[in-house]
Protein backbone atom coordinates (compact mmCIF):
# COMPACT_ATOMS: atom_id res chain seq x y z
CA MET A 1 0.03 0.17 0.10
CA GLU A 2 1.47 3.65 -0.51
CA THR A 3 1.77 5.93 1.79
CA LYS A 4 -0.22 9.21 1.57
CA PHE A 5 1.73 10.80 4.74
CA THR A 6 3.99 14.03 3.76
CA GLN A 7 7.48 11.74 3.45
CA GLY A 8 10.01 12.11 5.53
CA PRO A 9 12.84 12.89 7.61
CA TRP A 10 10.95 15.07 9.68
CA VAL A 11 12.36 17.55 12.52
CA ALA A 12 11.38 19.41 15.41
CA GLU A 13 12.00 22.80 14.94
CA HIS A 14 12.08 25.16 18.12
CA ARG A 15 9.78 28.30 17.50
CA ALA A 16 8.76 31.24 19.43
CA THR A 17 7.56 35.05 18.89
CA ARG A 18 9.06 37.59 21.04
CA SER A 19 5.79 37.90 23.01
CA MET A 20 5.98 34.32 23.40
CA LEU A 21 9.50 34.08 24.78
CA GLN A 22 8.78 37.46 27.09
CA ASN A 23 5.98 35.02 28.32
CA GLY A 24 8.03 31.86 28.66
CA GLU A 25 6.05 30.48 25.67
CA ASP A 26 7.08 28.37 23.14
CA PHE A 27 5.98 25.75 20.72
CA TYR A 28 7.80 23.18 18.19
CA ALA A 29 6.70 23.33 13.98
CA ILE A 30 7.19 19.61 12.72
CA ARG A 31 8.59 20.38 9.70
CA ARG A 32 10.14 18.28 6.47
CA THR A 33 13.66 18.56 7.33
CA GLU A 34 14.64 20.13 3.66
CA ASP A 35 12.40 22.78 5.29
CA ILE A 36 14.13 24.29 8.51
CA GLY A 37 14.97 27.84 7.94
CA ASP A 38 12.22 28.12 5.52
CA ILE A 39 9.67 31.04 7.08
CA GLU A 40 7.50 29.80 3.92
CA ALA A 41 7.19 26.63 4.18
CA VAL A 42 4.14 24.79 5.64
CA SER A 43 4.70 23.09 9.05
CA ILE A 44 2.87 19.76 9.54
CA ALA A 45 2.00 19.84 13.03
CA HIS A 46 2.64 22.15 15.72
CA ALA A 47 3.29 21.12 19.20
CA PHE A 48 2.26 23.92 21.82
CA PRO A 49 2.77 23.85 25.80
CA TRP A 50 -0.82 24.82 26.26
CA ASN A 51 -2.43 21.36 24.74
CA SER A 52 0.47 19.35 26.37
CA VAL A 53 -0.42 17.82 29.51
CA GLY A 54 2.40 18.89 32.14
CA ARG A 55 4.17 20.46 29.24
CA ASN A 56 5.30 17.38 27.76
CA HIS A 57 5.20 19.85 24.54
CA LYS A 58 9.28 19.31 23.60
CA ALA A 59 8.81 15.06 23.54
CA ASN A 60 5.85 15.51 21.71
CA ALA A 61 7.48 17.01 18.67
CA HIS A 62 10.40 14.86 19.12
CA LEU A 63 7.81 11.58 18.99
CA ILE A 64 5.77 13.17 16.03
CA ALA A 65 9.02 13.69 14.08
CA ALA A 66 10.11 10.77 14.11
CA ALA A 67 6.39 8.98 12.90
CA PRO A 68 8.12 8.34 9.41
CA GLU A 69 11.07 6.83 10.59
CA LEU A 70 9.30 4.29 12.93
CA TYR A 71 6.92 3.71 10.10
CA HIS A 72 9.66 2.13 8.00
CA ALA A 73 11.02 0.69 11.30
CA LEU A 74 7.66 -1.19 11.58
CA LYS A 75 7.19 -2.14 8.26
CA LEU A 76 10.74 -4.04 8.18
CA LEU A 77 10.63 -5.57 11.38
CA GLN A 78 6.95 -6.73 10.37
CA THR A 79 8.19 -7.87 6.52
CA GLN A 80 11.08 -9.79 8.63
CA ALA A 81 9.07 -11.50 11.11
CA LEU A 82 6.52 -12.40 8.96
CA GLN A 83 9.27 -14.26 6.67
CA SER A 84 10.52 -16.04 9.66
CA THR A 85 6.95 -17.63 11.15
CA VAL A 86 6.23 -18.89 7.54
CA MET A 87 9.83 -19.87 5.88
CA ASP A 88 11.53 -21.10 10.05
CA GLY A 89 8.10 -21.93 11.58
CA ASN A 90 9.34 -20.20 14.00
CA ASP A 91 5.91 -18.02 16.51
CA TRP A 92 8.55 -15.83 17.80
CA GLY A 93 7.41 -12.35 18.87
CA ARG A 94 3.73 -12.95 18.04
CA GLU A 95 2.55 -10.29 20.44
CA ALA A 96 5.39 -8.08 19.02
CA LEU A 97 4.21 -8.80 15.44
CA GLU A 98 0.94 -8.17 16.39
CA TYR A 99 1.44 -4.39 17.95
CA THR A 100 2.99 -3.43 14.77
CA GLN A 101 0.41 -4.69 12.87
CA LEU A 102 -1.76 -2.45 14.58
CA ALA A 103 0.39 0.69 14.58
CA LEU A 104 1.01 0.31 11.27
CA ALA A 105 -2.76 0.52 10.21
CA LYS A 106 -2.86 3.25 12.79
CA ALA A 107 -0.92 5.38 11.20
CA LEU A 108 -2.44 4.52 7.89
CA GLY A 109 -5.81 5.47 9.21
CA GLU A 110 -7.41 1.77 8.67
CA GLN A 111 -9.46 -0.10 11.33
CA CYS A 112 -8.95 -3.91 12.49
CA PRO A 113 -10.33 -5.80 10.10
CA SER A 114 -13.99 -6.47 10.41
CA ASN A 115 -12.70 -11.12 10.37
CA ASN A 116 -10.95 -9.89 13.38
CA LYS A 117 -11.81 -9.94 16.94
CA GLN A 118 -11.48 -7.40 19.57
CA THR A 119 -9.94 -8.18 23.47
CA GLU A 120 -9.00 -6.54 26.12
CA GLU A 121 -5.98 -8.06 28.27
CA ASN A 122 -4.99 -6.97 32.00
CA ASP A 123 -7.64 -4.27 31.53
CA ARG A 124 -4.32 -2.25 30.40
CA ARG A 125 -4.43 -2.76 26.31
CA LYS A 126 -6.63 -3.46 23.44
CA THR A 127 -5.40 -5.28 20.28
CA CYS A 128 -6.94 -7.05 17.06
CA LEU A 129 -6.16 -10.45 17.44
CA ASN A 130 -6.29 -12.72 14.20
């Protein structure tokens, strides 16, 4: 499936206006790396302190900026895990593979396939299982 998101790499660029700095505020613009410093370039997302619990906006911005690399790493892990399971008969990392598939589906805006069942384990997590 072709990805429709803005291709990476992305970076979290620290931004603030003079008035924001006077008030002790700032924000991060998530942008393509090639757009750093270009004030005309459109940002992919913003992380502001007033919508981040505990002023985690810097950490949130860096996590968002890592999304393209995380997506591609998960695709590679998924491919290798599926090949290992099919070719070697290994059942290693089934739970990790399930989470990988869920994360990739979420990144693509997809839902769990309708033939899967939704389960809740230990009241901590929900996952789609085949």
